């Protein structure tokens, strides 16, 4: 069993990222002789608008039925937005799990309306340290801009994810990215993927 949650806000591409992950897992399962691996995808939404919270659950394993991941059972939180990473992570990450977080703020609706405060990125990282999670935090949005467009931030994060011990390969992810993004953006997105991979690898080695 391997569980991944992609957390962000509407408009960041979290749903596309989760579908790419799910498709990569399916592709790997189909290429192996053992076809018993199953993939389930579930999504939860806050305010149904741009800026509302979005969390996509990807469950990969032999006995996978319910699409939503139980609390404290996520192997990886892929956080496209810091506050939503914190919210999903504190609820779902398992002890010793991996949190990969974009540090660029995209304030959720409840923050903009004054209903919630926004902690600093340092406080968010400290919160994960206290529950024994391994945190990798960097400016994925800035890397995406360097690659050609801020819209590829979700693919930068997929590149970072590819450093984890996953039940599929970085090549599987790249193959699905080519299928899922508009043809004219393939080269930008592949560069974004590679830059995200290199950035996370560098941070893990330091």
Protein backbone atom coordinates (compact mmCIF):
# COMPACT_ATOMS: atom_id res chain seq x y z
CA UNK A 1 0.00 0.00 0.00
CA UNK A 2 1.27 3.49 -0.87
CA UNK A 3 -0.75 6.62 -0.13
CA UNK A 4 -0.21 10.12 -1.52
CA UNK A 5 -2.19 13.30 -0.88
CA UNK A 6 -1.86 16.31 -3.19
CA UNK A 7 -2.95 19.40 -1.24
CA UNK A 8 -3.47 22.90 -2.58
CA UNK A 9 -6.10 25.44 -3.54
CA UNK A 10 -8.28 25.68 -6.62
CA UNK A 11 -6.42 26.87 -9.69
CA UNK A 12 -3.02 25.39 -8.80
CA UNK A 13 -3.34 22.16 -10.75
CA UNK A 14 -3.56 19.75 -7.83
CA UNK A 15 -6.22 17.61 -9.51
CA UNK A 16 -4.15 17.29 -12.69
CA UNK A 17 -1.11 16.34 -10.60
CA UNK A 18 -3.06 13.62 -8.79
CA UNK A 19 -4.37 12.19 -12.05
CA UNK A 20 -0.84 12.08 -13.46
CA UNK A 21 0.29 10.16 -10.36
CA UNK A 22 -2.63 7.72 -10.64
CA UNK A 23 -2.05 7.17 -14.37
CA UNK A 24 1.67 6.55 -13.78
CA UNK A 25 0.83 3.88 -11.20
CA UNK A 26 -1.67 2.25 -13.56
CA UNK A 27 0.87 2.31 -16.37
CA UNK A 28 3.47 0.60 -14.20
CA UNK A 29 0.97 -2.03 -13.03
CA UNK A 30 -0.07 -2.83 -16.59
CA UNK A 31 3.54 -3.21 -17.72
CA UNK A 32 4.28 -5.74 -14.98
CA UNK A 33 3.15 -9.36 -15.12
CA UNK A 34 1.35 -8.88 -11.81
CA UNK A 35 -1.88 -6.97 -12.55
CA UNK A 36 -3.30 -7.16 -9.03
CA UNK A 37 -2.19 -3.63 -8.15
CA UNK A 38 -5.14 -1.26 -7.86
CA UNK A 39 -5.30 2.53 -7.88
CA UNK A 40 -8.07 4.61 -6.33
CA UNK A 41 -8.40 8.37 -6.62
CA UNK A 42 -10.56 10.53 -4.36
CA UNK A 43 -10.94 14.28 -3.99
CA UNK A 44 -12.21 16.61 -1.30
CA UNK A 45 -13.06 20.26 -1.85
CA UNK A 46 -13.53 23.30 0.36
CA UNK A 47 -15.16 26.33 -1.22
CA UNK A 48 -16.02 25.32 -4.79
CA UNK A 49 -14.17 28.19 -6.42
CA UNK A 50 -10.69 29.32 -7.36
CA UNK A 51 -8.87 29.68 -4.05
CA UNK A 52 -10.85 26.98 -2.24
CA UNK A 53 -9.05 24.09 -0.57
CA UNK A 54 -8.49 20.96 -2.67
CA UNK A 55 -7.04 17.66 -1.46
CA UNK A 56 -6.63 14.72 -3.84
CA UNK A 57 -6.08 11.25 -2.38
CA UNK A 58 -4.18 8.63 -4.40
CA UNK A 59 -4.19 5.10 -2.96
CA UNK A 60 -2.07 2.40 -4.60
CA UNK A 61 -2.08 -1.25 -3.48
CA UNK A 62 -3.54 -4.72 -3.80
CA UNK A 63 -6.50 -4.23 -1.47
CA UNK A 64 -7.70 -0.72 -2.22
CA UNK A 65 -11.42 0.02 -2.07
CA UNK A 66 -12.28 3.27 -0.29
CA UNK A 67 -10.84 6.19 -2.29
CA UNK A 68 -10.03 8.33 0.76
CA UNK A 69 -6.89 7.80 2.84
CA UNK A 70 -7.45 7.24 6.61
CA UNK A 71 -5.95 9.71 9.06
CA UNK A 72 -2.24 9.24 9.84
CA UNK A 73 -1.77 6.86 6.89
CA UNK A 74 -0.35 9.04 4.08
CA UNK A 75 3.18 8.16 3.00
CA UNK A 76 3.64 11.48 1.19
CA UNK A 77 1.95 14.88 1.29
CA UNK A 78 2.64 16.80 -1.91
CA UNK A 79 1.77 20.35 -0.87
CA UNK A 80 1.27 22.97 -3.56
CA UNK A 81 0.39 25.66 -1.00
CA UNK A 82 1.91 25.97 2.50
CA UNK A 83 -1.20 26.36 4.66
CA UNK A 84 -3.09 23.61 2.84
CA UNK A 85 0.01 21.41 3.21
CA UNK A 86 -0.15 21.98 6.97
CA UNK A 87 -3.86 21.24 7.17
CA UNK A 88 -3.62 18.01 5.18
CA UNK A 89 -0.33 16.95 6.71
CA UNK A 90 -1.25 17.25 10.37
CA UNK A 91 -4.32 15.13 9.73
CA UNK A 92 -3.03 12.52 7.30
CA UNK A 93 0.77 12.10 7.34
CA UNK A 94 2.00 8.92 8.98
CA UNK A 95 4.92 8.95 11.47
CA UNK A 96 8.11 9.27 9.50
CA UNK A 97 6.23 10.25 6.32
CA UNK A 98 7.53 12.65 3.69
CA UNK A 99 6.17 16.18 3.20
CA UNK A 100 7.15 18.01 0.00
CA UNK A 101 5.99 21.63 0.12
CA UNK A 102 5.94 24.61 -2.19
CA UNK A 103 6.68 27.64 0.02
CA UNK A 104 4.99 30.22 -2.23
CA UNK A 105 1.72 31.39 -0.66
CA UNK A 106 -1.57 31.27 -2.56
CA UNK A 107 -3.87 32.35 0.23
CA UNK A 108 -7.00 30.20 0.66
CA UNK A 109 -10.45 31.77 0.78
CA UNK A 110 -10.75 31.58 4.57
CA UNK A 111 -7.51 33.54 4.99
CA UNK A 112 -8.59 36.22 2.53
CA UNK A 113 -11.89 36.62 4.36
CA UNK A 114 -10.15 36.92 7.73
CA UNK A 115 -11.55 33.67 9.16
CA UNK A 116 -8.11 32.08 9.52
CA UNK A 117 -4.59 33.27 10.24
CA UNK A 118 -1.62 32.34 8.10
CA UNK A 119 1.40 30.93 9.97
CA UNK A 120 4.90 31.55 8.66
CA UNK A 121 6.55 28.87 6.55
CA UNK A 122 9.05 28.40 9.38
CA UNK A 123 6.21 27.64 11.81
CA UNK A 124 4.72 25.16 9.34
CA UNK A 125 8.05 23.33 8.99
CA UNK A 126 8.45 23.30 12.78
CA UNK A 127 4.99 21.74 13.16
CA UNK A 128 5.98 18.87 10.87
CA UNK A 129 9.31 18.42 12.63
CA UNK A 130 7.45 17.94 15.90
CA UNK A 131 5.52 14.97 14.49
CA UNK A 132 8.64 13.33 13.05
CA UNK A 133 7.91 14.07 9.38
CA UNK A 134 10.63 14.60 6.79
CA UNK A 135 10.05 17.99 5.19
CA UNK A 136 11.38 19.25 1.86
CA UNK A 137 10.37 22.88 1.27
CA UNK A 138 11.31 25.09 -1.67
CA UNK A 139 9.94 27.73 -4.05
CA UNK A 140 8.41 25.51 -6.72
CA UNK A 141 6.50 28.45 -8.20
CA UNK A 142 9.76 30.34 -8.76
CA UNK A 143 11.28 27.31 -10.48
CA UNK A 144 8.19 27.01 -12.69
CA UNK A 145 8.52 30.66 -13.76
CA UNK A 146 12.16 30.04 -14.66
CA UNK A 147 11.04 27.11 -16.82
CA UNK A 148 8.56 29.25 -18.74
CA UNK A 149 5.29 29.57 -16.83
CA UNK A 150 4.03 29.56 -13.24
CA UNK A 151 1.32 27.12 -14.40
CA UNK A 152 3.90 24.31 -14.43
CA UNK A 153 4.40 24.54 -10.65
CA UNK A 154 2.40 21.36 -10.12
CA UNK A 155 4.76 19.53 -12.51
CA UNK A 156 7.80 20.92 -10.65
CA UNK A 157 6.30 19.29 -7.56
CA UNK A 158 5.84 16.00 -9.41
CA UNK A 159 9.53 16.12 -10.25
CA UNK A 160 10.32 16.51 -6.56
CA UNK A 161 7.99 13.61 -5.76
CA UNK A 162 9.91 11.37 -8.17
CA UNK A 163 12.78 11.28 -5.64
CA UNK A 164 10.62 9.21 -3.27
CA UNK A 165 10.54 5.42 -3.26
CA UNK A 166 7.37 5.09 -5.34
CA UNK A 167 5.63 2.07 -6.89
CA UNK A 168 6.34 3.64 -10.31
CA UNK A 169 9.28 5.43 -11.91
CA UNK A 170 10.19 8.98 -12.89
CA UNK A 171 9.97 7.79 -16.50
CA UNK A 172 6.38 6.66 -15.91
CA UNK A 173 5.52 10.14 -14.63
CA UNK A 174 7.22 11.84 -17.58
CA UNK A 175 5.34 9.62 -20.02
CA UNK A 176 1.98 10.56 -18.50
CA UNK A 177 2.91 14.25 -18.38
CA UNK A 178 3.45 14.15 -22.14
CA UNK A 179 -0.05 12.71 -22.55
CA UNK A 180 -1.82 14.99 -20.09
CA UNK A 181 -0.51 18.50 -20.81
CA UNK A 182 -1.23 20.51 -23.99
CA UNK A 183 1.17 19.57 -26.78
CA UNK A 184 2.62 23.07 -27.07
CA UNK A 185 3.61 23.00 -23.37
CA UNK A 186 5.27 19.57 -23.28
CA UNK A 187 8.85 20.88 -23.42
CA UNK A 188 8.18 23.45 -20.67
CA UNK A 189 6.56 20.87 -18.45
CA UNK A 190 9.31 18.30 -18.95
CA UNK A 191 11.88 20.92 -18.03
CA UNK A 192 9.78 21.82 -14.96
CA UNK A 193 9.69 18.15 -13.96
CA UNK A 194 13.46 17.79 -14.31
CA UNK A 195 14.16 21.00 -12.37
CA UNK A 196 11.87 19.89 -9.55
CA UNK A 197 13.61 16.52 -9.43
CA UNK A 198 17.05 18.11 -9.26
CA UNK A 199 16.02 20.66 -6.62
CA UNK A 200 14.59 18.07 -4.25
CA UNK A 201 17.54 15.74 -4.76
CA UNK A 202 19.91 18.61 -3.91
CA UNK A 203 17.96 19.45 -0.75
CA UNK A 204 17.88 15.83 0.40
CA UNK A 205 21.64 15.48 -0.09
CA UNK A 206 22.51 18.69 1.81
